């Protein structure tokens, strides 16, 4: 595995050297998105979540709702946080819940598969900022994700004893690492699509499946029916760069299960969007 990784890295470095000019131009565009939009929309929520984990507020909340037999309220709180933070910050939250013995492996997978996509602030404030259908897309996405989650919900898994494990959290380290993972995946995967200069919506869509941010902005500006549907699919599905972000933080992450769930979600949301356009 290490030999394959080294070989791929070597090929990637040659690729960067040969197509240096095109890649530098492409990376200048996405770096502007990162520093002017990513940081503003994501940093406060990632930092806030890590502060919650540091103070063990999440454990106290779970104890309270478990004592009062209202764990469904705790579910709502976690779903809200997972959607709000987005990948990769919400992976830290879910790993904390799993390591603290609050959720089991199946529950963790459900949260990731059904709500582990692009962060809500980034979708609302950046990706859909110029789309005339942003409220429709967001509403349908949330409804489909919630419906899929409820179908997978297994109440009997919650009827067990909890032995809370206190996990030590380094707020600065975890926040910084999450932001670095975003930056490097953004730069790496954007460089892979740098040679595709065609601005046709379908070419932009293909690039968006590899790295979503800049390409979603291009589709959002178009506001045609085709571009709106392609944009909806990418936002609902996520992208290869997000999958790598999850895997880099959580090696136990099941890629194919995630892609299958997100693909079904994306197809359903896109179809509903088409019906309501």
C-alpha atoms as a PDB file:
ATOM      1  CA  UNK A   1       0.000   0.000   0.000  1.00  0.00           C
ATOM      2  CA  UNK A   2       2.833   2.391   0.861  1.00  0.00           C
ATOM      3  CA  UNK A   3       4.544   1.631  -2.464  1.00  0.00           C
ATOM      4  CA  UNK A   4       1.331   2.442  -4.351  1.00  0.00           C
ATOM      5  CA  UNK A   5       0.967   5.702  -2.428  1.00  0.00           C
ATOM      6  CA  UNK A   6       4.575   6.688  -3.153  1.00  0.00           C
ATOM      7  CA  UNK A   7       4.112   5.865  -6.847  1.00  0.00           C
ATOM      8  CA  UNK A   8       0.922   7.952  -7.074  1.00  0.00           C
ATOM      9  CA  UNK A   9       2.608  10.821  -5.279  1.00  0.00           C
ATOM     10  CA  UNK A  10       5.506  10.645  -7.729  1.00  0.00           C
ATOM     11  CA  UNK A  11       3.113  10.728 -10.708  1.00  0.00           C
ATOM     12  CA  UNK A  12       1.254  13.656  -9.122  1.00  0.00           C
ATOM     13  CA  UNK A  13       4.480  15.643  -8.687  1.00  0.00           C
ATOM     14  CA  UNK A  14       5.379  15.066 -12.343  1.00  0.00           C
ATOM     15  CA  UNK A  15       1.882  16.191 -13.329  1.00  0.00           C
ATOM     16  CA  UNK A  16       2.290  19.412 -11.298  1.00  0.00           C
ATOM     17  CA  UNK A  17       5.706  20.077 -12.855  1.00  0.00           C
ATOM     18  CA  UNK A  18       4.474  19.616 -16.448  1.00  0.00           C
ATOM     19  CA  UNK A  19       1.269  21.650 -16.145  1.00  0.00           C
ATOM     20  CA  UNK A  20       2.559  24.205 -13.671  1.00  0.00           C
ATOM     21  CA  UNK A  21       1.016  27.321 -15.285  1.00  0.00           C
ATOM     22  CA  UNK A  22      -2.539  25.954 -15.530  1.00  0.00           C
ATOM     23  CA  UNK A  23      -2.403  24.532 -12.013  1.00  0.00           C
ATOM     24  CA  UNK A  24      -1.085  27.755 -10.442  1.00  0.00           C
ATOM     25  CA  UNK A  25      -3.939  29.737 -12.017  1.00  0.00           C
ATOM     26  CA  UNK A  26      -6.532  27.222 -10.815  1.00  0.00           C
ATOM     27  CA  UNK A  27      -5.111  27.128  -7.288  1.00  0.00           C
ATOM     28  CA  UNK A  28      -5.120  30.920  -7.070  1.00  0.00           C
ATOM     29  CA  UNK A  29      -8.890  30.823  -7.571  1.00  0.00           C
ATOM     30  CA  UNK A  30      -9.596  28.128  -4.987  1.00  0.00           C
ATOM     31  CA  UNK A  31      -7.194  29.606  -2.418  1.00  0.00           C
ATOM     32  CA  UNK A  32      -9.206  32.830  -2.607  1.00  0.00           C
ATOM     33  CA  UNK A  33     -12.342  30.791  -1.853  1.00  0.00           C
ATOM     34  CA  UNK A  34     -10.661  29.148   1.101  1.00  0.00           C
ATOM     35  CA  UNK A  35      -9.289  32.256   2.803  1.00  0.00           C
ATOM     36  CA  UNK A  36     -12.229  34.564   2.040  1.00  0.00           C
ATOM     37  CA  UNK A  37     -15.154  32.151   2.338  1.00  0.00           C
ATOM     38  CA  UNK A  38     -14.230  28.815   3.913  1.00  0.00           C
ATOM     39  CA  UNK A  39     -12.578  30.297   6.987  1.00  0.00           C
ATOM     40  CA  UNK A  40     -15.345  32.833   7.572  1.00  0.00           C
ATOM     41  CA  UNK A  41     -18.174  30.310   7.262  1.00  0.00           C
ATOM     42  CA  UNK A  42     -16.584  27.259   8.941  1.00  0.00           C
ATOM     43  CA  UNK A  43     -13.999  28.342  11.506  1.00  0.00           C
ATOM     44  CA  UNK A  44     -16.462  29.655  14.155  1.00  0.00           C
ATOM     45  CA  UNK A  45     -18.550  26.475  14.098  1.00  0.00           C
ATOM     46  CA  UNK A  46     -15.593  24.075  14.182  1.00  0.00           C
ATOM     47  CA  UNK A  47     -14.045  26.023  17.066  1.00  0.00           C
ATOM     48  CA  UNK A  48     -17.357  26.171  18.962  1.00  0.00           C
ATOM     49  CA  UNK A  49     -17.887  22.426  18.600  1.00  0.00           C
ATOM     50  CA  UNK A  50     -14.391  21.604  19.836  1.00  0.00           C
ATOM     51  CA  UNK A  51     -14.981  23.861  22.838  1.00  0.00           C
ATOM     52  CA  UNK A  52     -18.166  21.898  23.579  1.00  0.00           C
ATOM     53  CA  UNK A  53     -16.207  18.654  23.451  1.00  0.00           C
ATOM     54  CA  UNK A  54     -13.430  20.085  25.605  1.00  0.00           C
ATOM     55  CA  UNK A  55     -15.880  20.988  28.387  1.00  0.00           C
ATOM     56  CA  UNK A  56     -17.764  17.652  28.096  1.00  0.00           C
ATOM     57  CA  UNK A  57     -21.056  19.497  27.657  1.00  0.00           C
ATOM     58  CA  UNK A  58     -22.147  16.820  25.167  1.00  0.00           C
ATOM     59  CA  UNK A  59     -21.763  14.101  27.804  1.00  0.00           C
ATOM     60  CA  UNK A  60     -23.766  16.167  30.314  1.00  0.00           C
ATOM     61  CA  UNK A  61     -26.532  16.658  27.744  1.00  0.00           C
ATOM     62  CA  UNK A  62     -26.683  12.957  27.013  1.00  0.00           C
ATOM     63  CA  UNK A  63     -26.856  12.089  30.709  1.00  0.00           C
ATOM     64  CA  UNK A  64     -29.699  14.570  31.192  1.00  0.00           C
ATOM     65  CA  UNK A  65     -31.825  13.334  28.280  1.00  0.00           C
ATOM     66  CA  UNK A  66     -31.080   9.695  29.049  1.00  0.00           C
ATOM     67  CA  UNK A  67     -32.209  10.202  32.654  1.00  0.00           C
ATOM     68  CA  UNK A  68     -35.460  11.774  31.464  1.00  0.00           C
ATOM     69  CA  UNK A  69     -35.949   9.132  28.733  1.00  0.00           C
ATOM     70  CA  UNK A  70     -35.851  11.712  25.955  1.00  0.00           C
ATOM     71  CA  UNK A  71     -32.840  10.685  23.919  1.00  0.00           C
ATOM     72  CA  UNK A  72     -34.648  11.707  20.733  1.00  0.00           C
ATOM     73  CA  UNK A  73     -34.012  15.328  21.762  1.00  0.00           C
ATOM     74  CA  UNK A  74     -30.323  14.539  22.072  1.00  0.00           C
ATOM     75  CA  UNK A  75     -30.505  13.062  18.564  1.00  0.00           C
ATOM     76  CA  UNK A  76     -31.930  16.324  17.261  1.00  0.00           C
ATOM     77  CA  UNK A  77     -29.097  18.287  18.898  1.00  0.00           C
ATOM     78  CA  UNK A  78     -26.424  16.035  17.355  1.00  0.00           C
ATOM     79  CA  UNK A  79     -28.067  16.099  13.927  1.00  0.00           C
ATOM     80  CA  UNK A  80     -28.176  19.886  14.110  1.00  0.00           C
ATOM     81  CA  UNK A  81     -24.470  20.060  15.003  1.00  0.00           C
ATOM     82  CA  UNK A  82     -23.438  17.522  12.332  1.00  0.00           C
ATOM     83  CA  UNK A  83     -25.287  19.487   9.628  1.00  0.00           C
ATOM     84  CA  UNK A  84     -24.035  22.831  10.904  1.00  0.00           C
ATOM     85  CA  UNK A  85     -20.361  21.888  11.105  1.00  0.00           C
ATOM     86  CA  UNK A  86     -20.086  19.702   8.012  1.00  0.00           C
ATOM     87  CA  UNK A  87     -17.090  17.626   6.990  1.00  0.00           C
ATOM     88  CA  UNK A  88     -14.454  17.306   8.376  1.00  0.00           C
ATOM     89  CA  UNK A  89     -15.326  19.018  11.670  1.00  0.00           C
ATOM     90  CA  UNK A  90     -18.333  16.812  12.345  1.00  0.00           C
ATOM     91  CA  UNK A  91     -16.108  13.716  12.132  1.00  0.00           C
ATOM     92  CA  UNK A  92     -14.321  14.915  15.275  1.00  0.00           C
ATOM     93  CA  UNK A  93     -17.704  15.237  16.978  1.00  0.00           C
ATOM     94  CA  UNK A  94     -18.858  11.762  15.950  1.00  0.00           C
ATOM     95  CA  UNK A  95     -15.543  10.173  16.926  1.00  0.00           C
ATOM     96  CA  UNK A  96     -15.871  11.850  20.311  1.00  0.00           C
ATOM     97  CA  UNK A  97     -19.398  10.458  20.744  1.00  0.00           C
ATOM     98  CA  UNK A  98     -18.208   6.990  19.742  1.00  0.00           C
ATOM     99  CA  UNK A  99     -15.112   7.040  21.953  1.00  0.00           C
ATOM    100  CA  UNK A 100     -17.214   8.342  24.850  1.00  0.00           C
ATOM    101  CA  UNK A 101     -19.558   5.347  24.466  1.00  0.00           C
ATOM    102  CA  UNK A 102     -22.550   7.597  23.717  1.00  0.00           C
ATOM    103  CA  UNK A 103     -23.166   6.168  20.247  1.00  0.00           C
ATOM    104  CA  UNK A 104     -22.233   2.813  18.775  1.00  0.00           C
ATOM    105  CA  UNK A 105     -20.638   2.053  15.418  1.00  0.00           C
ATOM    106  CA  UNK A 106     -23.954   1.768  13.559  1.00  0.00           C
ATOM    107  CA  UNK A 107     -25.238   5.060  14.916  1.00  0.00           C
ATOM    108  CA  UNK A 108     -21.988   6.780  13.987  1.00  0.00           C
ATOM    109  CA  UNK A 109     -22.237   5.461  10.419  1.00  0.00           C
ATOM    110  CA  UNK A 110     -25.840   6.666  10.145  1.00  0.00           C
ATOM    111  CA  UNK A 111     -24.913  10.191  11.188  1.00  0.00           C
ATOM    112  CA  UNK A 112     -22.047  10.284   8.668  1.00  0.00           C
ATOM    113  CA  UNK A 113     -23.955   8.665   5.804  1.00  0.00           C
ATOM    114  CA  UNK A 114     -27.149  10.700   6.111  1.00  0.00           C
ATOM    115  CA  UNK A 115     -25.978  14.080   7.438  1.00  0.00           C
ATOM    116  CA  UNK A 116     -22.226  14.068   6.810  1.00  0.00           C
ATOM    117  CA  UNK A 117     -22.037  16.366   3.832  1.00  0.00           C
ATOM    118  CA  UNK A 118     -21.047  19.944   3.092  1.00  0.00           C
ATOM    119  CA  UNK A 119     -21.580  22.277   6.049  1.00  0.00           C
ATOM    120  CA  UNK A 120     -24.855  24.190   6.076  1.00  0.00           C
ATOM    121  CA  UNK A 121     -23.265  27.667   6.455  1.00  0.00           C
ATOM    122  CA  UNK A 122     -21.048  27.034   3.420  1.00  0.00           C
ATOM    123  CA  UNK A 123     -24.007  25.804   1.363  1.00  0.00           C
ATOM    124  CA  UNK A 124     -26.227  28.713   2.348  1.00  0.00           C
ATOM    125  CA  UNK A 125     -23.725  31.570   2.484  1.00  0.00           C
ATOM    126  CA  UNK A 126     -21.421  30.567  -0.371  1.00  0.00           C
ATOM    127  CA  UNK A 127     -22.503  27.806  -2.745  1.00  0.00           C
ATOM    128  CA  UNK A 128     -26.151  28.839  -3.098  1.00  0.00           C
ATOM    129  CA  UNK A 129     -25.688  32.548  -2.483  1.00  0.00           C
ATOM    130  CA  UNK A 130     -26.477  33.348  -6.135  1.00  0.00           C
ATOM    131  CA  UNK A 131     -29.024  30.614  -6.781  1.00  0.00           C
ATOM    132  CA  UNK A 132     -32.682  31.595  -7.112  1.00  0.00           C
ATOM    133  CA  UNK A 133     -33.707  28.156  -5.818  1.00  0.00           C
ATOM    134  CA  UNK A 134     -31.509  27.964  -2.716  1.00  0.00           C
ATOM    135  CA  UNK A 135     -34.375  27.670  -0.220  1.00  0.00           C
ATOM    136  CA  UNK A 136     -36.017  24.905  -2.238  1.00  0.00           C
ATOM    137  CA  UNK A 137     -32.763  22.956  -2.586  1.00  0.00           C
ATOM    138  CA  UNK A 138     -31.917  23.269   1.115  1.00  0.00           C
ATOM    139  CA  UNK A 139     -35.419  22.266   2.221  1.00  0.00           C
ATOM    140  CA  UNK A 140     -35.535  19.192  -0.031  1.00  0.00           C
ATOM    141  CA  UNK A 141     -32.016  18.130   0.964  1.00  0.00           C
ATOM    142  CA  UNK A 142     -32.818  18.306   4.685  1.00  0.00           C
ATOM    143  CA  UNK A 143     -36.133  16.476   4.230  1.00  0.00           C
ATOM    144  CA  UNK A 144     -34.557  13.650   2.221  1.00  0.00           C
ATOM    145  CA  UNK A 145     -31.648  13.263   4.645  1.00  0.00           C
ATOM    146  CA  UNK A 146     -33.995  13.182   7.634  1.00  0.00           C
ATOM    147  CA  UNK A 147     -36.316  10.664   5.944  1.00  0.00           C
ATOM    148  CA  UNK A 148     -33.431   8.329   5.114  1.00  0.00           C
ATOM    149  CA  UNK A 149     -32.096   8.619   8.653  1.00  0.00           C
ATOM    150  CA  UNK A 150     -35.483   7.830  10.221  1.00  0.00           C
ATOM    151  CA  UNK A 151     -35.793   4.697   8.090  1.00  0.00           C
ATOM    152  CA  UNK A 152     -32.448   3.510   9.428  1.00  0.00           C
ATOM    153  CA  UNK A 153     -33.142   4.491  13.048  1.00  0.00           C
ATOM    154  CA  UNK A 154     -33.153   1.524  15.402  1.00  0.00           C
ATOM    155  CA  UNK A 155     -34.629   2.343  18.788  1.00  0.00           C
ATOM    156  CA  UNK A 156     -33.564  -0.901  20.410  1.00  0.00           C
ATOM    157  CA  UNK A 157     -29.924   0.103  20.086  1.00  0.00           C
ATOM    158  CA  UNK A 158     -30.563   2.890  22.601  1.00  0.00           C
ATOM    159  CA  UNK A 159     -31.856   0.555  25.312  1.00  0.00           C
ATOM    160  CA  UNK A 160     -28.529  -0.158  26.983  1.00  0.00           C
ATOM    161  CA  UNK A 161     -26.321   0.973  29.831  1.00  0.00           C
ATOM    162  CA  UNK A 162     -23.880   3.786  29.211  1.00  0.00           C
ATOM    163  CA  UNK A 163     -20.378   3.905  30.645  1.00  0.00           C
ATOM    164  CA  UNK A 164     -19.152   7.350  29.747  1.00  0.00           C
ATOM    165  CA  UNK A 165     -15.511   7.701  28.798  1.00  0.00           C
ATOM    166  CA  UNK A 166     -14.042  11.162  29.290  1.00  0.00           C
ATOM    167  CA  UNK A 167     -11.996  12.122  26.219  1.00  0.00           C
ATOM    168  CA  UNK A 168      -9.327  14.815  26.368  1.00  0.00           C
ATOM    169  CA  UNK A 169      -9.657  17.372  23.582  1.00  0.00           C
ATOM    170  CA  UNK A 170      -6.985  19.786  22.360  1.00  0.00           C
ATOM    171  CA  UNK A 171      -9.157  22.585  20.936  1.00  0.00           C
ATOM    172  CA  UNK A 172      -6.427  24.437  19.029  1.00  0.00           C
ATOM    173  CA  UNK A 173      -4.887  21.267  17.593  1.00  0.00           C
ATOM    174  CA  UNK A 174      -8.195  19.750  16.426  1.00  0.00           C
ATOM    175  CA  UNK A 175      -9.502  23.008  14.977  1.00  0.00           C
ATOM    176  CA  UNK A 176      -6.224  23.673  13.177  1.00  0.00           C
ATOM    177  CA  UNK A 177      -6.014  20.121  11.843  1.00  0.00           C
ATOM    178  CA  UNK A 178      -9.575  20.270  10.460  1.00  0.00           C
ATOM    179  CA  UNK A 179      -8.835  23.535   8.660  1.00  0.00           C
ATOM    180  CA  UNK A 180      -5.550  22.183   7.276  1.00  0.00           C
ATOM    181  CA  UNK A 181      -7.265  19.041   5.980  1.00  0.00           C
ATOM    182  CA  UNK A 182      -9.776  21.243   4.158  1.00  0.00           C
ATOM    183  CA  UNK A 183      -7.039  23.440   2.680  1.00  0.00           C
ATOM    184  CA  UNK A 184      -4.809  20.638   1.412  1.00  0.00           C
ATOM    185  CA  UNK A 185      -7.683  18.587  -0.030  1.00  0.00           C
ATOM    186  CA  UNK A 186      -9.021  21.713  -1.720  1.00  0.00           C
ATOM    187  CA  UNK A 187      -5.662  22.471  -3.317  1.00  0.00           C
ATOM    188  CA  UNK A 188      -4.821  18.869  -4.214  1.00  0.00           C
ATOM    189  CA  UNK A 189      -8.117  17.956  -5.865  1.00  0.00           C
ATOM    190  CA  UNK A 190      -8.548  21.320  -7.580  1.00  0.00           C
ATOM    191  CA  UNK A 191      -5.156  20.808  -9.214  1.00  0.00           C
ATOM    192  CA  UNK A 192      -6.423  17.525 -10.685  1.00  0.00           C
ATOM    193  CA  UNK A 193      -9.153  19.381 -12.608  1.00  0.00           C
ATOM    194  CA  UNK A 194      -7.021  22.372 -13.596  1.00  0.00           C
ATOM    195  CA  UNK A 195      -6.611  21.163 -17.191  1.00  0.00           C
ATOM    196  CA  UNK A 196     -10.366  21.014 -17.818  1.00  0.00           C
ATOM    197  CA  UNK A 197     -11.066  24.605 -18.875  1.00  0.00           C
ATOM    198  CA  UNK A 198     -14.391  23.908 -20.598  1.00  0.00           C
ATOM    199  CA  UNK A 199     -17.153  25.890 -18.837  1.00  0.00           C
ATOM    200  CA  UNK A 200     -19.994  23.724 -20.125  1.00  0.00           C
ATOM    201  CA  UNK A 201     -22.243  22.760 -17.148  1.00  0.00           C
ATOM    202  CA  UNK A 202     -21.593  19.035 -17.594  1.00  0.00           C
ATOM    203  CA  UNK A 203     -17.815  19.520 -17.564  1.00  0.00           C
ATOM    204  CA  UNK A 204     -18.165  21.725 -14.487  1.00  0.00           C
ATOM    205  CA  UNK A 205     -20.343  19.004 -12.938  1.00  0.00           C
ATOM    206  CA  UNK A 206     -17.657  16.353 -13.500  1.00  0.00           C
ATOM    207  CA  UNK A 207     -15.063  18.620 -11.901  1.00  0.00           C
ATOM    208  CA  UNK A 208     -17.487  19.292  -9.039  1.00  0.00           C
ATOM    209  CA  UNK A 209     -17.678  15.605  -8.209  1.00  0.00           C
ATOM    210  CA  UNK A 210     -13.913  15.723  -7.673  1.00  0.00           C
ATOM    211  CA  UNK A 211     -13.784  19.071  -5.798  1.00  0.00           C
ATOM    212  CA  UNK A 212     -17.065  20.854  -5.262  1.00  0.00           C
ATOM    213  CA  UNK A 213     -16.419  24.421  -4.029  1.00  0.00           C
ATOM    214  CA  UNK A 214     -15.319  26.486  -7.043  1.00  0.00           C
ATOM    215  CA  UNK A 215     -17.349  24.392  -9.481  1.00  0.00           C
ATOM    216  CA  UNK A 216     -20.535  24.758  -7.437  1.00  0.00           C
ATOM    217  CA  UNK A 217     -20.037  28.527  -7.542  1.00  0.00           C
ATOM    218  CA  UNK A 218     -19.819  28.391 -11.334  1.00  0.00           C
ATOM    219  CA  UNK A 219     -23.042  26.372 -11.569  1.00  0.00           C
ATOM    220  CA  UNK A 220     -24.757  28.662  -9.059  1.00  0.00           C
ATOM    221  CA  UNK A 221     -24.043  31.731 -11.210  1.00  0.00           C
ATOM    222  CA  UNK A 222     -25.650  30.159 -14.275  1.00  0.00           C
ATOM    223  CA  UNK A 223     -29.159  29.696 -12.804  1.00  0.00           C
ATOM    224  CA  UNK A 224     -30.391  27.621 -15.756  1.00  0.00           C
ATOM    225  CA  UNK A 225     -32.512  24.533 -15.093  1.00  0.00           C
ATOM    226  CA  UNK A 226     -29.667  22.188 -16.083  1.00  0.00           C
ATOM    227  CA  UNK A 227     -27.054  23.942 -13.952  1.00  0.00           C
ATOM    228  CA  UNK A 228     -29.455  24.093 -10.987  1.00  0.00           C
ATOM    229  CA  UNK A 229     -30.066  20.346 -11.138  1.00  0.00           C
ATOM    230  CA  UNK A 230     -26.363  19.559 -11.510  1.00  0.00           C
ATOM    231  CA  UNK A 231     -25.603  21.896  -8.598  1.00  0.00           C
ATOM    232  CA  UNK A 232     -28.262  20.186  -6.488  1.00  0.00           C
ATOM    233  CA  UNK A 233     -26.734  16.772  -7.147  1.00  0.00           C
ATOM    234  CA  UNK A 234     -23.212  17.843  -6.169  1.00  0.00           C
ATOM    235  CA  UNK A 235     -24.351  19.554  -2.956  1.00  0.00           C
ATOM    236  CA  UNK A 236     -26.409  16.502  -1.981  1.00  0.00           C
ATOM    237  CA  UNK A 237     -23.737  13.996  -2.935  1.00  0.00           C
ATOM    238  CA  UNK A 238     -20.555  15.798  -1.741  1.00  0.00           C
ATOM    239  CA  UNK A 239     -17.308  15.088  -3.648  1.00  0.00           C
ATOM    240  CA  UNK A 240     -14.164  12.986  -3.779  1.00  0.00           C
ATOM    241  CA  UNK A 241     -12.290  15.649  -1.814  1.00  0.00           C
ATOM    242  CA  UNK A 242     -14.767  15.349   1.082  1.00  0.00           C
ATOM    243  CA  UNK A 243     -14.466  11.568   1.095  1.00  0.00           C
ATOM    244  CA  UNK A 244     -10.692  11.888   1.423  1.00  0.00           C
ATOM    245  CA  UNK A 245     -11.147  14.422   4.231  1.00  0.00           C
ATOM    246  CA  UNK A 246     -13.280  11.944   6.179  1.00  0.00           C
ATOM    247  CA  UNK A 247     -10.840   9.084   5.574  1.00  0.00           C
ATOM    248  CA  UNK A 248      -7.868  11.195   6.653  1.00  0.00           C
ATOM    249  CA  UNK A 249      -9.484  11.856  10.037  1.00  0.00           C
ATOM    250  CA  UNK A 250     -11.284   8.544  10.516  1.00  0.00           C
ATOM    251  CA  UNK A 251      -9.459   5.507   9.007  1.00  0.00           C
ATOM    252  CA  UNK A 252     -12.419   3.248   9.932  1.00  0.00           C
ATOM    253  CA  UNK A 253     -14.715   5.211   7.601  1.00  0.00           C
ATOM    254  CA  UNK A 254     -16.571   2.964   5.110  1.00  0.00           C
ATOM    255  CA  UNK A 255     -16.230   4.751   1.790  1.00  0.00           C
ATOM    256  CA  UNK A 256     -18.545   2.626  -0.381  1.00  0.00           C
ATOM    257  CA  UNK A 257     -21.368   2.625   2.140  1.00  0.00           C
ATOM    258  CA  UNK A 258     -21.134   6.399   2.349  1.00  0.00           C
ATOM    259  CA  UNK A 259     -21.045   6.879  -1.432  1.00  0.00           C
ATOM    260  CA  UNK A 260     -24.045   4.593  -1.908  1.00  0.00           C
ATOM    261  CA  UNK A 261     -26.164   6.476   0.646  1.00  0.00           C
ATOM    262  CA  UNK A 262     -25.118   9.903  -0.636  1.00  0.00           C
ATOM    263  CA  UNK A 263     -25.747   8.894  -4.278  1.00  0.00           C
ATOM    264  CA  UNK A 264     -29.284   7.776  -3.444  1.00  0.00           C
ATOM    265  CA  UNK A 265     -29.848  10.990  -1.506  1.00  0.00           C
ATOM    266  CA  UNK A 266     -28.503  13.111  -4.367  1.00  0.00           C
ATOM    267  CA  UNK A 267     -30.636  11.385  -6.990  1.00  0.00           C
ATOM    268  CA  UNK A 268     -33.793  11.753  -4.901  1.00  0.00           C
ATOM    269  CA  UNK A 269     -33.157  15.417  -4.046  1.00  0.00           C
ATOM    270  CA  UNK A 270     -32.337  16.242  -7.680  1.00  0.00           C
ATOM    271  CA  UNK A 271     -35.496  14.529  -8.909  1.00  0.00           C
ATOM    272  CA  UNK A 272     -37.658  16.387  -6.391  1.00  0.00           C
ATOM    273  CA  UNK A 273     -35.983  19.666  -7.316  1.00  0.00           C
ATOM    274  CA  UNK A 274     -36.763  19.021 -10.980  1.00  0.00           C
ATOM    275  CA  UNK A 275     -40.425  18.377 -10.140  1.00  0.00           C
ATOM    276  CA  UNK A 276     -40.719  21.646  -8.211  1.00  0.00           C
ATOM    277  CA  UNK A 277     -38.833  23.887 -10.671  1.00  0.00           C
END
